[in-house]
Amino acid sequence: MKRLLLILILTFSFQSLTKADDIRDFQIEGMSIGDSALDYFTEKEIKDNIMSNYYKNKKFTSVEFVGDKRFATYENIEITFLTKDNNYIMESVSGAILCPKNFSRCKDLKEDIKSDISEQFKNLLPNSYSKNHRADKSGKSKFSHDFYEYENGDMIIIELVNWSKEITKKNRWTDNVNLSVRSNKFNQFLRIAFN
């Protein structure tokens, strides 16, 4: 029953996307890249939830909201903006659904999200890859990306993370599925930051 409810919520979340020729039409919890974070959060909330030391290069700042009751579908929301932007214009919006001790649930959710996006964005073909997660030096934790890229380099990304038992125990990290929308500007930054 819970799975059916989640599928219905995800389906209704994507219904406004049927004519989304521009990534700014794609919303996660009502937010999209190009929006000001100040339309959704106070400046104090933004500053209180900054993920410090997230990137060595301080060009962008990421903020994470964990377990915020305002969100209907996702348990964690992460937004990213240019650090010097006083308007907090979002260059990335991500939502995560956690699957503690139930990785198969995350895999099913990923496939449901992928199916919905592929159905509604027929002009975007998905690409995918899987790798060891760099945060786990043992190489036992894995992640996969399915991504849809617009001509201008903006992307919709579905990430599936399967943490090893050791990492889960040590860091209390949880398997999850994450849906992101990212501007080309932020994608270019990530390519440099993580290479």
Protein backbone atom coordinates (compact mmCIF):
# COMPACT_ATOMS: atom_id res chain seq x y z
CA MET A 1 0.00 0.00 0.00
CA LYS A 2 2.83 2.41 0.86
CA ARG A 3 4.49 1.65 -2.48
CA LEU A 4 1.26 2.38 -4.36
CA LEU A 5 0.85 5.67 -2.50
CA LEU A 6 4.43 6.70 -3.31
CA ILE A 7 3.97 5.81 -6.99
CA LEU A 8 0.82 7.92 -7.11
CA ILE A 9 2.59 10.86 -5.45
CA LEU A 10 5.53 10.59 -7.86
CA THR A 11 3.20 10.31 -10.85
CA PHE A 12 1.21 13.40 -9.83
CA SER A 13 4.48 15.23 -9.15
CA PHE A 14 5.52 14.68 -12.76
CA GLN A 15 2.18 15.53 -14.39
CA SER A 16 3.03 19.20 -14.75
CA LEU A 17 6.08 18.18 -16.77
CA THR A 18 4.37 16.93 -19.89
CA LYS A 19 5.30 20.07 -21.82
CA ALA A 20 8.63 20.71 -20.12
CA ASP A 21 10.81 21.68 -23.06
CA ASP A 22 12.89 23.84 -20.72
CA ILE A 23 14.44 22.36 -17.60
CA ARG A 24 13.06 25.29 -15.59
CA ASP A 25 9.63 23.71 -16.11
CA PHE A 26 10.77 20.63 -14.17
CA GLN A 27 9.98 20.94 -10.47
CA ILE A 28 11.03 19.08 -7.35
CA GLU A 29 8.73 19.88 -4.43
CA GLY A 30 7.55 22.90 -6.42
CA MET A 31 11.10 24.29 -6.87
CA SER A 32 13.06 24.60 -10.08
CA ILE A 33 16.42 25.88 -11.19
CA GLY A 34 16.20 29.57 -11.95
CA ASP A 35 13.95 30.18 -8.91
CA SER A 36 15.17 32.11 -5.91
CA ALA A 37 15.56 29.97 -2.79
CA LEU A 38 14.14 32.98 -0.93
CA ASP A 39 10.74 32.14 -2.45
CA TYR A 40 10.76 28.91 -0.40
CA PHE A 41 13.03 29.50 2.59
CA THR A 42 14.07 32.36 4.81
CA GLU A 43 17.63 33.62 4.53
CA LYS A 44 18.23 32.33 8.06
CA GLU A 45 17.03 28.84 7.08
CA ILE A 46 19.34 28.89 4.09
CA LYS A 47 22.37 30.02 6.10
CA ASP A 48 21.64 27.59 8.95
CA ASN A 49 21.64 24.61 6.57
CA ILE A 50 24.72 25.35 4.46
CA MET A 51 26.84 22.27 3.87
CA SER A 52 30.22 23.70 4.86
CA ASN A 53 33.38 22.38 3.20
CA TYR A 54 31.29 20.57 0.59
CA TYR A 55 33.39 21.82 -2.33
CA LYS A 56 37.03 22.87 -2.20
CA ASN A 57 36.27 25.54 -4.76
CA LYS A 58 33.82 27.95 -3.12
CA LYS A 59 32.15 29.12 -6.36
CA PHE A 60 28.92 27.27 -5.41
CA THR A 61 27.20 26.70 -2.09
CA SER A 62 24.94 23.75 -1.31
CA VAL A 63 22.24 23.74 1.35
CA GLU A 64 20.49 20.63 2.65
CA PHE A 65 17.11 20.44 4.35
CA VAL A 66 16.65 17.11 6.14
CA GLY A 67 13.25 15.80 7.20
CA ASP A 68 11.49 19.12 6.57
CA LYS A 69 7.73 18.62 6.97
CA ARG A 70 7.02 21.04 4.10
CA PHE A 71 8.11 18.39 1.62
CA ALA A 72 5.54 15.82 0.51
CA THR A 73 7.62 13.37 -1.53
CA TYR A 74 11.29 13.72 -0.62
CA GLU A 75 12.90 13.27 2.78
CA ASN A 76 15.94 15.43 2.03
CA ILE A 77 16.16 18.41 -0.31
CA GLU A 78 19.43 19.94 -1.49
CA ILE A 79 19.68 23.24 -3.34
CA THR A 80 22.77 24.85 -4.84
CA PHE A 81 23.44 28.43 -5.87
CA LEU A 82 26.39 30.64 -6.75
CA THR A 83 28.05 31.61 -3.45
CA LYS A 84 28.14 35.33 -4.27
CA ASP A 85 24.51 35.44 -5.44
CA ASN A 86 22.52 37.45 -2.88
CA ASN A 87 19.29 36.37 -4.62
CA TYR A 88 20.10 32.67 -4.06
CA ILE A 89 19.08 31.68 -7.60
CA MET A 90 19.07 27.88 -7.64
CA GLU A 91 21.40 26.20 -10.12
CA SER A 92 20.47 22.74 -8.81
CA VAL A 93 17.57 21.19 -6.89
CA SER A 94 17.70 17.59 -5.62
CA GLY A 95 15.33 15.41 -3.67
CA ALA A 96 16.28 12.16 -1.92
CA ILE A 97 14.15 9.25 -0.78
CA LEU A 98 15.87 7.08 1.82
CA CYS A 99 15.57 3.29 1.89
CA PRO A 100 17.09 2.09 5.17
CA LYS A 101 17.76 -1.65 5.02
CA ASN A 102 15.65 -1.94 1.87
CA PHE A 103 17.77 -1.32 -1.23
CA SER A 104 15.28 -3.15 -3.46
CA ARG A 105 12.71 -0.43 -2.64
CA CYS A 106 15.16 2.21 -3.91
CA LYS A 107 15.78 0.20 -7.10
CA ASP A 108 12.03 -0.03 -7.71
CA LEU A 109 11.56 3.70 -7.09
CA LYS A 110 14.40 4.52 -9.47
CA GLU A 111 12.77 2.46 -12.20
CA ASP A 112 9.39 4.13 -11.55
CA ILE A 113 10.96 7.61 -11.75
CA LYS A 114 12.93 6.68 -14.87
CA SER A 115 9.80 5.34 -16.54
CA ASP A 116 7.84 8.51 -15.72
CA ILE A 117 10.59 10.80 -17.01
CA SER A 118 11.13 8.76 -20.19
CA GLU A 119 7.39 8.82 -20.84
CA GLN A 120 7.12 12.56 -20.41
CA PHE A 121 10.39 13.60 -22.03
CA LYS A 122 10.32 11.55 -25.20
CA ASN A 123 12.72 13.98 -26.88
CA LEU A 124 15.42 13.28 -24.24
CA LEU A 125 17.23 9.97 -24.40
CA PRO A 126 18.65 8.65 -21.13
CA ASN A 127 22.31 7.83 -20.64
CA SER A 128 23.55 5.81 -17.70
CA TYR A 129 26.63 4.59 -15.89
CA SER A 130 27.54 2.85 -12.63
CA LYS A 131 30.67 3.25 -10.51
CA ASN A 132 32.15 2.62 -7.12
CA HIS A 133 31.27 5.47 -4.76
CA ARG A 134 34.35 7.62 -4.11
CA ALA A 135 33.34 8.17 -0.45
CA ASP A 136 33.95 4.47 0.26
CA LYS A 137 37.65 3.66 -0.19
CA SER A 138 36.90 -0.09 0.08
CA GLY A 139 35.09 0.02 -3.27
CA LYS A 140 32.08 -1.85 -1.86
CA SER A 141 29.60 1.04 -2.11
CA LYS A 142 28.10 1.61 -5.56
CA PHE A 143 26.09 4.27 -7.33
CA SER A 144 24.44 4.61 -10.69
CA HIS A 145 23.28 7.61 -12.68
CA ASP A 146 20.58 7.77 -15.31
CA PHE A 147 20.66 11.21 -16.85
CA TYR A 148 18.74 13.16 -19.45
CA GLU A 149 20.65 16.02 -21.04
CA TYR A 150 19.14 19.02 -22.77
CA GLU A 151 20.89 20.55 -25.80
CA ASN A 152 22.16 23.42 -23.63
CA GLY A 153 23.80 21.03 -21.12
CA ASP A 154 21.14 21.24 -18.38
CA MET A 155 20.38 17.80 -16.92
CA ILE A 156 17.83 15.69 -15.07
CA ILE A 157 19.64 13.00 -13.08
CA ILE A 158 18.39 9.95 -11.21
CA GLU A 159 21.00 8.65 -8.79
CA LEU A 160 20.80 5.34 -6.96
CA VAL A 161 23.23 4.78 -4.05
CA ASN A 162 23.91 1.40 -2.45
CA TRP A 163 26.18 1.87 0.58
CA SER A 164 28.18 -1.05 1.94
CA LYS A 165 27.20 -2.46 5.33
CA GLU A 166 30.45 -1.11 6.80
CA ILE A 167 29.77 2.45 5.60
CA THR A 168 26.15 2.28 6.75
CA LYS A 169 27.24 1.16 10.19
CA LYS A 170 30.16 3.60 10.51
CA ASN A 171 28.57 6.76 9.07
CA ARG A 172 24.88 5.96 9.38
CA TRP A 173 24.49 6.67 5.68
CA THR A 174 21.42 5.18 4.06
CA ASP A 175 20.78 3.71 0.63
CA ASN A 176 18.81 6.24 -1.38
CA VAL A 177 17.41 7.31 -4.69
CA ASN A 178 17.95 10.93 -5.62
CA LEU A 179 16.32 13.03 -8.35
CA SER A 180 18.16 16.20 -9.43
CA VAL A 181 17.80 19.01 -11.92
CA ARG A 182 21.04 20.85 -12.68
CA SER A 183 21.94 23.81 -14.83
CA ASN A 184 24.77 23.45 -17.33
CA LYS A 185 26.69 26.04 -15.31
CA PHE A 186 26.60 23.79 -12.23
CA ASN A 187 27.36 20.66 -14.28
CA GLN A 188 30.49 22.31 -15.67
CA PHE A 189 31.58 23.19 -12.14
CA LEU A 190 31.06 19.60 -10.94
CA ARG A 191 33.09 18.19 -13.82
CA ILE A 192 36.04 20.31 -12.72
CA ALA A 193 35.48 19.88 -8.97
CA PHE A 194 35.39 16.08 -9.04
CA ASN A 195 38.00 15.33 -11.71
